[in-house]
Amino acid sequence: MAIILARYPAPETSLVGKPFLEKAPFNTFLVQTKGVLEAVGPKGILVLYVFTSTRSALVAGDVINILSVPKQDLLPKQTAVSPRT
């Protein structure tokens, strides 16, 4: 089981100390030591995950560091531009 140790920005309810429930990317995090993955997130939107495993000085085993960003937030939104005349 994976437990969330830190999260930023904090959501309305704290996820710290709660299980990591996104099953699809989690299996990849366990098999690979680092990488980039696109998957549908818990809200049904496409999410980009960047992850790496590091040895923990606090607990036995590895800690998986995960950065997740909704893909729609990575590129600026397109705005309508009128052609110059």
C-alpha atoms as a PDB file:
ATOM      1  CA  MET A   1       0.000   0.000   0.000  1.00  0.00           C
ATOM      2  CA  ALA A   2       1.188   3.512  -0.784  1.00  0.00           C
ATOM      3  CA  ILE A   3       0.609   6.406   1.619  1.00  0.00           C
ATOM      4  CA  ILE A   4       0.712  10.085   0.633  1.00  0.00           C
ATOM      5  CA  LEU A   5       3.437  11.783   2.688  1.00  0.00           C
ATOM      6  CA  ALA A   6       3.095  15.320   1.305  1.00  0.00           C
ATOM      7  CA  ARG A   7       0.912  17.161  -1.203  1.00  0.00           C
ATOM      8  CA  TYR A   8       1.058  20.664  -2.640  1.00  0.00           C
ATOM      9  CA  PRO A   9      -1.122  22.566  -3.135  1.00  0.00           C
ATOM     10  CA  ALA A  10      -3.300  21.208  -0.366  1.00  0.00           C
ATOM     11  CA  PRO A  11      -6.836  20.291  -1.459  1.00  0.00           C
ATOM     12  CA  GLU A  12      -9.939  21.172   0.556  1.00  0.00           C
ATOM     13  CA  THR A  13      -9.507  17.957   2.561  1.00  0.00           C
ATOM     14  CA  SER A  14      -6.056  16.723   3.506  1.00  0.00           C
ATOM     15  CA  LEU A  15      -4.777  13.688   1.611  1.00  0.00           C
ATOM     16  CA  VAL A  16      -1.591  13.422   3.690  1.00  0.00           C
ATOM     17  CA  GLY A  17      -1.544  10.082   5.489  1.00  0.00           C
ATOM     18  CA  LYS A  18      -4.209   8.641   3.182  1.00  0.00           C
ATOM     19  CA  PRO A  19      -3.683   5.807   0.666  1.00  0.00           C
ATOM     20  CA  PHE A  20      -2.666   6.626  -2.909  1.00  0.00           C
ATOM     21  CA  LEU A  21      -5.745   5.389  -4.800  1.00  0.00           C
ATOM     22  CA  GLU A  22      -4.800   5.939  -8.446  1.00  0.00           C
ATOM     23  CA  LYS A  23      -4.216   2.282  -9.331  1.00  0.00           C
ATOM     24  CA  ALA A  24      -3.267   2.549 -13.027  1.00  0.00           C
ATOM     25  CA  PRO A  25      -0.139   4.689 -12.649  1.00  0.00           C
ATOM     26  CA  PHE A  26       0.810   3.127  -9.308  1.00  0.00           C
ATOM     27  CA  ASN A  27       1.697  -0.232 -10.902  1.00  0.00           C
ATOM     28  CA  THR A  28       4.090   1.574 -13.285  1.00  0.00           C
ATOM     29  CA  PHE A  29       5.672   3.470 -10.367  1.00  0.00           C
ATOM     30  CA  LEU A  30       6.476   0.141  -8.687  1.00  0.00           C
ATOM     31  CA  VAL A  31       7.979  -1.504 -11.791  1.00  0.00           C
ATOM     32  CA  GLN A  32      10.080   1.414 -13.103  1.00  0.00           C
ATOM     33  CA  THR A  33      12.495   3.510 -11.044  1.00  0.00           C
ATOM     34  CA  LYS A  34      11.802   6.730 -12.959  1.00  0.00           C
ATOM     35  CA  GLY A  35       9.843   7.967 -15.921  1.00  0.00           C
ATOM     36  CA  VAL A  36       7.001   9.977 -17.397  1.00  0.00           C
ATOM     37  CA  LEU A  37       3.490   8.593 -17.760  1.00  0.00           C
ATOM     38  CA  GLU A  38       0.195   9.875 -19.125  1.00  0.00           C
ATOM     39  CA  ALA A  39      -2.943   8.409 -17.574  1.00  0.00           C
ATOM     40  CA  VAL A  40      -6.513   9.340 -16.791  1.00  0.00           C
ATOM     41  CA  GLY A  41      -6.569  10.789 -13.280  1.00  0.00           C
ATOM     42  CA  PRO A  42      -9.180  10.361 -10.553  1.00  0.00           C
ATOM     43  CA  LYS A  43     -11.306  13.224 -11.924  1.00  0.00           C
ATOM     44  CA  GLY A  44     -11.446  11.645 -15.386  1.00  0.00           C
ATOM     45  CA  ILE A  45      -8.963  14.040 -17.016  1.00  0.00           C
ATOM     46  CA  LEU A  46      -5.615  13.266 -18.643  1.00  0.00           C
ATOM     47  CA  VAL A  47      -2.751  13.699 -16.161  1.00  0.00           C
ATOM     48  CA  LEU A  48       1.008  13.770 -16.760  1.00  0.00           C
ATOM     49  CA  TYR A  49       2.974  11.969 -14.025  1.00  0.00           C
ATOM     50  CA  VAL A  50       6.739  12.417 -13.622  1.00  0.00           C
ATOM     51  CA  PHE A  51       8.221  10.059 -11.044  1.00  0.00           C
ATOM     52  CA  THR A  52      11.430   8.720  -9.542  1.00  0.00           C
ATOM     53  CA  SER A  53      12.315   6.343  -6.700  1.00  0.00           C
ATOM     54  CA  THR A  54      14.870   7.237  -4.047  1.00  0.00           C
ATOM     55  CA  ARG A  55      16.228   5.352  -1.047  1.00  0.00           C
ATOM     56  CA  SER A  56      14.633   6.611   2.163  1.00  0.00           C
ATOM     57  CA  ALA A  57      16.716   7.568   5.182  1.00  0.00           C
ATOM     58  CA  LEU A  58      13.612   7.406   7.392  1.00  0.00           C
ATOM     59  CA  VAL A  59      12.028   4.051   6.535  1.00  0.00           C
ATOM     60  CA  ALA A  60      13.193   0.749   5.107  1.00  0.00           C
ATOM     61  CA  GLY A  61      12.791   0.731   1.349  1.00  0.00           C
ATOM     62  CA  ASP A  62      12.271   3.347  -1.316  1.00  0.00           C
ATOM     63  CA  VAL A  63      10.173   6.475  -1.512  1.00  0.00           C
ATOM     64  CA  ILE A  64       8.493   7.250  -4.843  1.00  0.00           C
ATOM     65  CA  ASN A  65       8.463  10.963  -5.657  1.00  0.00           C
ATOM     66  CA  ILE A  66       5.561  11.843  -7.957  1.00  0.00           C
ATOM     67  CA  LEU A  67       4.722  15.101  -9.703  1.00  0.00           C
ATOM     68  CA  SER A  68       1.288  15.044 -11.317  1.00  0.00           C
ATOM     69  CA  VAL A  69      -0.110  17.846 -13.447  1.00  0.00           C
ATOM     70  CA  PRO A  70      -3.361  17.859 -15.426  1.00  0.00           C
ATOM     71  CA  LYS A  71      -2.236  17.889 -19.062  1.00  0.00           C
ATOM     72  CA  GLN A  72      -4.674  20.703 -19.869  1.00  0.00           C
ATOM     73  CA  ASP A  73      -2.723  22.941 -17.459  1.00  0.00           C
ATOM     74  CA  LEU A  74       0.645  22.413 -19.176  1.00  0.00           C
ATOM     75  CA  LEU A  75      -0.013  24.477 -22.282  1.00  0.00           C
ATOM     76  CA  PRO A  76      -1.560  27.929 -22.426  1.00  0.00           C
ATOM     77  CA  LYS A  77      -5.178  28.030 -23.469  1.00  0.00           C
ATOM     78  CA  GLN A  78      -5.693  29.025 -27.082  1.00  0.00           C
ATOM     79  CA  THR A  79      -7.563  32.273 -27.587  1.00  0.00           C
ATOM     80  CA  ALA A  80      -9.269  33.421 -30.711  1.00  0.00           C
ATOM     81  CA  VAL A  81      -7.085  35.847 -32.626  1.00  0.00           C
ATOM     82  CA  SER A  82      -8.499  37.959 -35.365  1.00  0.00           C
ATOM     83  CA  PRO A  83      -6.318  38.293 -38.450  1.00  0.00           C
ATOM     84  CA  ARG A  84      -4.648  41.645 -39.035  1.00  0.00           C
ATOM     85  CA  THR A  85      -5.997  43.648 -41.887  1.00  0.00           C
END
